[in-house]
Amino acid sequence: MIVNAVTTNTTNVSSTSRAELSAEDFWQLLLTHLQMQDPFQATDMNAMMEQFVTIQAAREMAKLSDALQRVQALLLLGRVVSANWEGEELAGEVVSVSLSGSPILGVKVGERTVAIPVNSVWEVATEQKINLSTQA
């Protein structure tokens, strides 16, 4: 009995730390999958496409949710908010917003400014203070 050597196909996917599957990556993976599959038990292509579309839609929804949370944080500037943070109920005016990573509000509570995540806010006052300055 003669046994042929099995060769493996390698796929060049960039080694950068991307969290997303690009369309090019998907097509490369699909091509590799088609080359490696058993021709007598072919995979349903419609099911594969549906899975890809579902994954892409979920990623886009997550991006949209993140963008909306950032806009929400910016709209809180100058407003008085109440939040639960580190076991303490805090209330104060939002004086700054950090958008690196998850949005963090700088809330002035008395004489100190506390960094509070947006998702810790449970109440927003209806009146907004607008501080305009003509100083250069």
N, C-alpha and C. Protein backbone atom coordinates (compact mmCIF):
# COMPACT_ATOMS: atom_id res chain seq x y z
N MET A 1 0.85 -1.18 0.00
CA MET A 1 0.00 0.00 0.00
C MET A 1 0.89 1.23 0.00
N ILE A 2 0.62 2.13 -0.91
CA ILE A 2 1.41 3.37 -1.02
C ILE A 2 0.62 4.49 -0.35
N VAL A 3 1.29 5.21 0.51
CA VAL A 3 0.66 6.34 1.20
C VAL A 3 1.35 7.60 0.73
N ASN A 4 0.55 8.53 0.22
CA ASN A 4 1.10 9.81 -0.23
C ASN A 4 1.23 10.76 0.96
N ALA A 5 2.23 11.57 0.89
CA ALA A 5 2.44 12.56 1.96
C ALA A 5 1.32 13.59 1.93
N VAL A 6 0.93 14.02 3.08
CA VAL A 6 -0.11 15.04 3.20
C VAL A 6 0.57 16.38 3.31
N THR A 7 0.17 17.29 2.47
CA THR A 7 0.73 18.64 2.54
C THR A 7 -0.31 19.56 3.12
N THR A 8 0.15 20.59 3.78
CA THR A 8 -0.78 21.56 4.37
C THR A 8 -0.67 22.87 3.61
N ASN A 9 -1.79 23.48 3.45
CA ASN A 9 -1.83 24.82 2.85
C ASN A 9 -1.80 25.83 3.98
N THR A 10 -0.94 26.77 3.88
CA THR A 10 -0.90 27.82 4.90
C THR A 10 -1.47 29.08 4.31
N THR A 11 -2.16 29.81 5.13
CA THR A 11 -2.78 31.06 4.70
C THR A 11 -2.03 32.20 5.35
N ASN A 12 -1.63 33.16 4.55
CA ASN A 12 -0.95 34.33 5.10
C ASN A 12 -2.00 35.33 5.56
N VAL A 13 -2.18 35.41 6.84
CA VAL A 13 -3.04 36.42 7.45
C VAL A 13 -2.12 37.29 8.25
N SER A 14 -2.24 38.58 8.08
CA SER A 14 -1.29 39.48 8.74
C SER A 14 -1.30 39.25 10.24
N SER A 15 -0.15 39.37 10.84
CA SER A 15 -0.02 39.09 12.27
C SER A 15 -0.27 40.32 13.13
N THR A 16 -0.79 41.37 12.53
CA THR A 16 -1.12 42.54 13.34
C THR A 16 -2.28 42.17 14.24
N SER A 17 -2.44 42.87 15.31
CA SER A 17 -3.47 42.54 16.29
C SER A 17 -4.79 43.18 15.91
N ARG A 18 -5.34 42.73 14.80
CA ARG A 18 -6.64 43.23 14.37
C ARG A 18 -7.72 42.41 15.04
N ALA A 19 -8.75 43.08 15.52
CA ALA A 19 -9.85 42.39 16.16
C ALA A 19 -10.94 42.06 15.16
N GLU A 20 -10.79 42.47 13.93
CA GLU A 20 -11.83 42.30 12.94
C GLU A 20 -11.38 41.38 11.82
N LEU A 21 -12.33 40.70 11.26
CA LEU A 21 -12.10 39.87 10.09
C LEU A 21 -12.47 40.71 8.88
N SER A 22 -11.49 41.04 8.06
CA SER A 22 -11.79 41.84 6.88
C SER A 22 -12.41 40.95 5.82
N ALA A 23 -12.99 41.57 4.81
CA ALA A 23 -13.58 40.81 3.71
C ALA A 23 -12.50 39.99 3.00
N GLU A 24 -11.32 40.55 2.85
CA GLU A 24 -10.22 39.82 2.21
C GLU A 24 -9.84 38.59 3.03
N ASP A 25 -9.77 38.73 4.36
CA ASP A 25 -9.48 37.59 5.23
C ASP A 25 -10.55 36.52 5.08
N PHE A 26 -11.81 36.95 5.03
CA PHE A 26 -12.91 35.99 4.89
C PHE A 26 -12.79 35.20 3.60
N TRP A 27 -12.54 35.90 2.49
CA TRP A 27 -12.46 35.20 1.21
C TRP A 27 -11.26 34.25 1.18
N GLN A 28 -10.16 34.63 1.82
CA GLN A 28 -8.99 33.75 1.88
C GLN A 28 -9.31 32.50 2.69
N LEU A 29 -9.99 32.69 3.82
CA LEU A 29 -10.38 31.54 4.64
C LEU A 29 -11.38 30.65 3.91
N LEU A 30 -12.32 31.25 3.20
CA LEU A 30 -13.30 30.49 2.44
C LEU A 30 -12.62 29.66 1.35
N LEU A 31 -11.69 30.26 0.63
CA LEU A 31 -10.96 29.56 -0.41
C LEU A 31 -10.18 28.38 0.17
N THR A 32 -9.51 28.61 1.29
CA THR A 32 -8.76 27.54 1.95
C THR A 32 -9.70 26.42 2.39
N HIS A 33 -10.86 26.81 2.94
CA HIS A 33 -11.84 25.82 3.38
C HIS A 33 -12.32 24.97 2.20
N LEU A 34 -12.61 25.62 1.08
CA LEU A 34 -13.08 24.90 -0.09
C LEU A 34 -12.02 23.94 -0.63
N GLN A 35 -10.77 24.35 -0.55
CA GLN A 35 -9.69 23.48 -1.02
C GLN A 35 -9.51 22.27 -0.11
N MET A 36 -9.80 22.41 1.16
CA MET A 36 -9.55 21.35 2.13
C MET A 36 -10.76 20.45 2.37
N GLN A 37 -11.95 20.84 1.93
CA GLN A 37 -13.14 20.06 2.28
C GLN A 37 -13.23 18.76 1.47
N ASP A 38 -13.97 17.84 2.01
CA ASP A 38 -14.24 16.57 1.35
C ASP A 38 -15.26 16.83 0.25
N PRO A 39 -14.96 16.53 -1.01
CA PRO A 39 -15.89 16.82 -2.10
C PRO A 39 -17.19 16.04 -2.00
N PHE A 40 -17.21 14.95 -1.24
CA PHE A 40 -18.43 14.15 -1.09
C PHE A 40 -19.31 14.65 0.05
N GLN A 41 -18.78 15.56 0.86
CA GLN A 41 -19.55 16.16 1.96
C GLN A 41 -19.32 17.66 1.95
N ALA A 42 -19.74 18.28 0.88
CA ALA A 42 -19.52 19.72 0.71
C ALA A 42 -20.32 20.52 1.72
N THR A 43 -19.74 21.62 2.14
CA THR A 43 -20.39 22.52 3.09
C THR A 43 -21.44 23.36 2.36
N ASP A 44 -22.51 23.64 3.04
CA ASP A 44 -23.56 24.48 2.48
C ASP A 44 -23.05 25.93 2.41
N MET A 45 -22.86 26.43 1.20
CA MET A 45 -22.31 27.77 1.01
C MET A 45 -23.26 28.85 1.53
N ASN A 46 -24.56 28.63 1.40
CA ASN A 46 -25.51 29.63 1.90
C ASN A 46 -25.39 29.78 3.41
N ALA A 47 -25.20 28.67 4.11
CA ALA A 47 -25.05 28.73 5.57
C ALA A 47 -23.78 29.49 5.94
N MET A 48 -22.70 29.26 5.21
CA MET A 48 -21.45 29.98 5.49
C MET A 48 -21.62 31.48 5.27
N MET A 49 -22.28 31.84 4.18
CA MET A 49 -22.49 33.27 3.90
C MET A 49 -23.38 33.91 4.96
N GLU A 50 -24.41 33.19 5.40
CA GLU A 50 -25.29 33.72 6.44
C GLU A 50 -24.52 33.95 7.73
N GLN A 51 -23.63 33.03 8.08
CA GLN A 51 -22.82 33.19 9.28
C GLN A 51 -21.92 34.41 9.17
N PHE A 52 -21.29 34.59 8.02
CA PHE A 52 -20.41 35.74 7.81
C PHE A 52 -21.19 37.05 7.93
N VAL A 53 -22.36 37.11 7.30
CA VAL A 53 -23.18 38.32 7.34
C VAL A 53 -23.63 38.59 8.78
N THR A 54 -24.00 37.56 9.51
CA THR A 54 -24.43 37.73 10.90
C THR A 54 -23.29 38.27 11.76
N ILE A 55 -22.10 37.73 11.58
CA ILE A 55 -20.94 38.19 12.35
C ILE A 55 -20.63 39.65 12.02
N GLN A 56 -20.65 39.98 10.74
CA GLN A 56 -20.37 41.37 10.33
C GLN A 56 -21.42 42.33 10.89
N ALA A 57 -22.70 41.92 10.84
CA ALA A 57 -23.78 42.77 11.36
C ALA A 57 -23.61 43.00 12.86
N ALA A 58 -23.25 41.95 13.60
CA ALA A 58 -23.03 42.09 15.04
C ALA A 58 -21.89 43.04 15.33
N ARG A 59 -20.81 42.96 14.55
CA ARG A 59 -19.67 43.87 14.74
C ARG A 59 -20.07 45.31 14.46
N GLU A 60 -20.84 45.52 13.40
CA GLU A 60 -21.26 46.88 13.06
C GLU A 60 -22.19 47.45 14.14
N MET A 61 -23.06 46.61 14.70
CA MET A 61 -23.94 47.06 15.78
C MET A 61 -23.14 47.44 17.02
N ALA A 62 -22.09 46.68 17.31
CA ALA A 62 -21.23 47.00 18.46
C ALA A 62 -20.52 48.33 18.23
N LYS A 63 -20.06 48.58 17.00
CA LYS A 63 -19.41 49.86 16.68
C LYS A 63 -20.40 51.01 16.83
N LEU A 64 -21.63 50.80 16.35
CA LEU A 64 -22.65 51.84 16.45
C LEU A 64 -22.99 52.14 17.91
N SER A 65 -23.10 51.09 18.71
CA SER A 65 -23.38 51.26 20.14
C SER A 65 -22.27 52.05 20.82
N ASP A 66 -21.02 51.75 20.49
CA ASP A 66 -19.88 52.46 21.06
C ASP A 66 -19.90 53.93 20.65
N ALA A 67 -20.20 54.20 19.38
CA ALA A 67 -20.26 55.59 18.91
C ALA A 67 -21.38 56.36 19.60
N LEU A 68 -22.52 55.73 19.79
CA LEU A 68 -23.63 56.39 20.48
C LEU A 68 -23.29 56.69 21.94
N GLN A 69 -22.57 55.78 22.57
CA GLN A 69 -22.17 56.00 23.97
C GLN A 69 -21.21 57.19 24.06
N ARG A 70 -20.34 57.34 23.08
CA ARG A 70 -19.40 58.47 23.06
C ARG A 70 -20.14 59.79 22.87
N VAL A 71 -21.11 59.79 21.97
CA VAL A 71 -21.92 61.01 21.74
C VAL A 71 -22.69 61.35 23.01
N GLN A 72 -23.26 60.34 23.62
CA GLN A 72 -23.99 60.55 24.87
C GLN A 72 -23.10 61.18 25.93
N ALA A 73 -21.87 60.70 26.04
CA ALA A 73 -20.94 61.25 27.02
C ALA A 73 -20.65 62.71 26.73
N LEU A 74 -20.44 63.06 25.47
CA LEU A 74 -20.17 64.46 25.11
C LEU A 74 -21.36 65.36 25.41
N LEU A 75 -22.57 64.84 25.23
CA LEU A 75 -23.77 65.63 25.51
C LEU A 75 -23.98 65.88 27.00
N LEU A 76 -23.27 65.15 27.84
CA LEU A 76 -23.40 65.35 29.29
C LEU A 76 -22.52 66.48 29.82
N LEU A 77 -21.63 67.01 28.98
CA LEU A 77 -20.78 68.13 29.43
C LEU A 77 -21.63 69.29 29.93
N GLY A 78 -21.32 69.77 31.12
CA GLY A 78 -22.04 70.89 31.70
C GLY A 78 -23.31 70.51 32.44
N ARG A 79 -23.71 69.28 32.37
CA ARG A 79 -24.93 68.83 33.06
C ARG A 79 -24.58 68.28 34.44
N VAL A 80 -25.56 68.29 35.31
CA VAL A 80 -25.41 67.70 36.64
C VAL A 80 -25.90 66.26 36.57
N VAL A 81 -25.04 65.34 37.00
CA VAL A 81 -25.38 63.92 36.96
C VAL A 81 -25.27 63.31 38.35
N SER A 82 -25.99 62.22 38.54
CA SER A 82 -25.89 61.42 39.75
C SER A 82 -25.42 60.04 39.33
N ALA A 83 -24.51 59.46 40.12
CA ALA A 83 -23.95 58.17 39.76
C ALA A 83 -23.59 57.37 41.00
N ASN A 84 -23.56 56.06 40.83
CA ASN A 84 -23.04 55.15 41.85
C ASN A 84 -21.66 54.74 41.40
N TRP A 85 -20.65 55.08 42.20
CA TRP A 85 -19.28 54.76 41.82
C TRP A 85 -18.50 54.36 43.05
N GLU A 86 -17.92 53.18 43.01
CA GLU A 86 -17.12 52.62 44.10
C GLU A 86 -17.87 52.66 45.43
N GLY A 87 -19.14 52.25 45.38
CA GLY A 87 -19.96 52.15 46.58
C GLY A 87 -20.44 53.47 47.13
N GLU A 88 -20.31 54.52 46.39
CA GLU A 88 -20.67 55.86 46.86
C GLU A 88 -21.62 56.50 45.86
N GLU A 89 -22.66 57.18 46.36
CA GLU A 89 -23.54 57.94 45.49
C GLU A 89 -22.96 59.34 45.34
N LEU A 90 -22.69 59.72 44.09
CA LEU A 90 -22.08 61.01 43.80
C LEU A 90 -23.00 61.83 42.91
N ALA A 91 -22.97 63.14 43.10
CA ALA A 91 -23.70 64.05 42.23
C ALA A 91 -22.83 65.27 41.99
N GLY A 92 -22.76 65.69 40.74
CA GLY A 92 -21.96 66.85 40.42
C GLY A 92 -22.04 67.19 38.95
N GLU A 93 -21.36 68.28 38.59
CA GLU A 93 -21.37 68.75 37.21
C GLU A 93 -20.28 68.06 36.39
N VAL A 94 -20.63 67.65 35.19
CA VAL A 94 -19.66 67.03 34.29
C VAL A 94 -18.80 68.15 33.71
N VAL A 95 -17.49 68.11 34.01
CA VAL A 95 -16.58 69.16 33.57
C VAL A 95 -15.63 68.69 32.47
N SER A 96 -15.55 67.37 32.27
CA SER A 96 -14.69 66.85 31.21
C SER A 96 -15.16 65.47 30.78
N VAL A 97 -14.72 65.08 29.58
CA VAL A 97 -15.04 63.76 29.04
C VAL A 97 -13.78 63.19 28.42
N SER A 98 -13.45 61.95 28.77
CA SER A 98 -12.32 61.25 28.16
C SER A 98 -12.90 60.17 27.26
N LEU A 99 -12.49 60.18 25.99
CA LEU A 99 -13.03 59.22 25.02
C LEU A 99 -12.04 58.11 24.66
N SER A 100 -10.92 58.00 25.38
CA SER A 100 -9.99 56.91 25.11
C SER A 100 -10.53 55.67 25.82
N GLY A 101 -10.83 54.64 25.06
CA GLY A 101 -11.47 53.46 25.62
C GLY A 101 -12.94 53.76 25.86
N SER A 102 -13.49 53.21 26.94
CA SER A 102 -14.87 53.52 27.30
C SER A 102 -14.94 54.95 27.81
N PRO A 103 -15.99 55.70 27.46
CA PRO A 103 -16.08 57.09 27.90
C PRO A 103 -16.08 57.24 29.42
N ILE A 104 -15.26 58.16 29.90
CA ILE A 104 -15.15 58.47 31.33
C ILE A 104 -15.49 59.94 31.51
N LEU A 105 -16.37 60.22 32.46
CA LEU A 105 -16.77 61.59 32.77
C LEU A 105 -15.93 62.12 33.92
N GLY A 106 -15.50 63.36 33.82
CA GLY A 106 -14.88 64.06 34.93
C GLY A 106 -15.98 64.85 35.62
N VAL A 107 -16.40 64.41 36.80
CA VAL A 107 -17.52 65.02 37.51
C VAL A 107 -16.98 65.78 38.71
N LYS A 108 -17.31 67.07 38.76
CA LYS A 108 -16.87 67.91 39.88
C LYS A 108 -17.84 67.71 41.04
N VAL A 109 -17.32 67.10 42.10
CA VAL A 109 -18.10 66.83 43.31
C VAL A 109 -17.44 67.62 44.43
N GLY A 110 -18.07 68.71 44.82
CA GLY A 110 -17.45 69.59 45.83
C GLY A 110 -16.19 70.21 45.25
N GLU A 111 -15.06 70.00 45.92
CA GLU A 111 -13.78 70.55 45.48
C GLU A 111 -12.96 69.57 44.66
N ARG A 112 -13.42 68.35 44.52
CA ARG A 112 -12.65 67.35 43.79
C ARG A 112 -13.35 66.97 42.49
N THR A 113 -12.57 66.46 41.56
CA THR A 113 -13.11 65.95 40.30
C THR A 113 -12.92 64.44 40.28
N VAL A 114 -14.02 63.72 40.07
CA VAL A 114 -14.01 62.26 40.12
C VAL A 114 -14.21 61.72 38.71
N ALA A 115 -13.41 60.72 38.33
CA ALA A 115 -13.55 60.05 37.04
C ALA A 115 -14.59 58.95 37.18
N ILE A 116 -15.69 59.07 36.43
CA ILE A 116 -16.80 58.13 36.53
C ILE A 116 -17.15 57.60 35.14
N PRO A 117 -17.25 56.28 34.98
CA PRO A 117 -17.68 55.73 33.69
C PRO A 117 -19.12 56.14 33.38
N VAL A 118 -19.41 56.35 32.12
CA VAL A 118 -20.75 56.77 31.70
C VAL A 118 -21.81 55.79 32.17
N ASN A 119 -21.50 54.49 32.13
CA ASN A 119 -22.52 53.50 32.50
C ASN A 119 -22.83 53.48 34.00
N SER A 120 -22.14 54.28 34.80
CA SER A 120 -22.44 54.39 36.23
C SER A 120 -23.45 55.49 36.53
N VAL A 121 -23.74 56.33 35.54
CA VAL A 121 -24.68 57.45 35.73
C VAL A 121 -26.10 56.91 35.73
N TRP A 122 -26.89 57.32 36.73
CA TRP A 122 -28.27 56.87 36.80
C TRP A 122 -29.28 58.02 36.71
N GLU A 123 -28.78 59.27 36.75
CA GLU A 123 -29.70 60.40 36.64
C GLU A 123 -28.96 61.59 36.04
N VAL A 124 -29.66 62.32 35.19
CA VAL A 124 -29.11 63.53 34.57
C VAL A 124 -30.10 64.65 34.81
N ALA A 125 -29.62 65.80 35.32
CA ALA A 125 -30.49 66.94 35.54
C ALA A 125 -30.96 67.49 34.20
N THR A 126 -32.16 68.07 34.17
CA THR A 126 -32.72 68.55 32.91
C THR A 126 -32.12 69.88 32.48
N GLU A 127 -31.64 70.69 33.42
CA GLU A 127 -31.05 71.98 33.04
C GLU A 127 -29.57 71.81 32.77
N GLN A 128 -29.12 72.48 31.72
CA GLN A 128 -27.70 72.41 31.36
C GLN A 128 -27.07 73.77 31.63
N LYS A 129 -25.91 73.74 32.29
CA LYS A 129 -25.16 74.98 32.50
C LYS A 129 -24.26 75.19 31.30
N ILE A 130 -24.26 76.41 30.77
CA ILE A 130 -23.38 76.71 29.65
C ILE A 130 -22.40 77.77 30.12
N ASN A 131 -21.13 77.41 30.12
CA ASN A 131 -20.09 78.34 30.53
C ASN A 131 -19.33 78.80 29.29
N LEU A 132 -19.61 80.00 28.84
CA LEU A 132 -18.89 80.55 27.71
C LEU A 132 -17.88 81.55 28.22
N SER A 133 -16.69 81.47 27.70
CA SER A 133 -15.64 82.36 28.12
C SER A 133 -15.08 83.10 26.92
N THR A 134 -14.81 84.38 27.11
CA THR A 134 -14.21 85.18 26.02
C THR A 134 -12.71 85.36 26.25
N GLN A 135 -12.19 84.68 27.26
CA GLN A 135 -10.76 84.81 27.54
C GLN A 135 -9.97 84.03 26.49
N ALA A 136 -8.84 84.61 26.10
CA ALA A 136 -8.01 83.93 25.11
C ALA A 136 -6.95 83.11 25.77
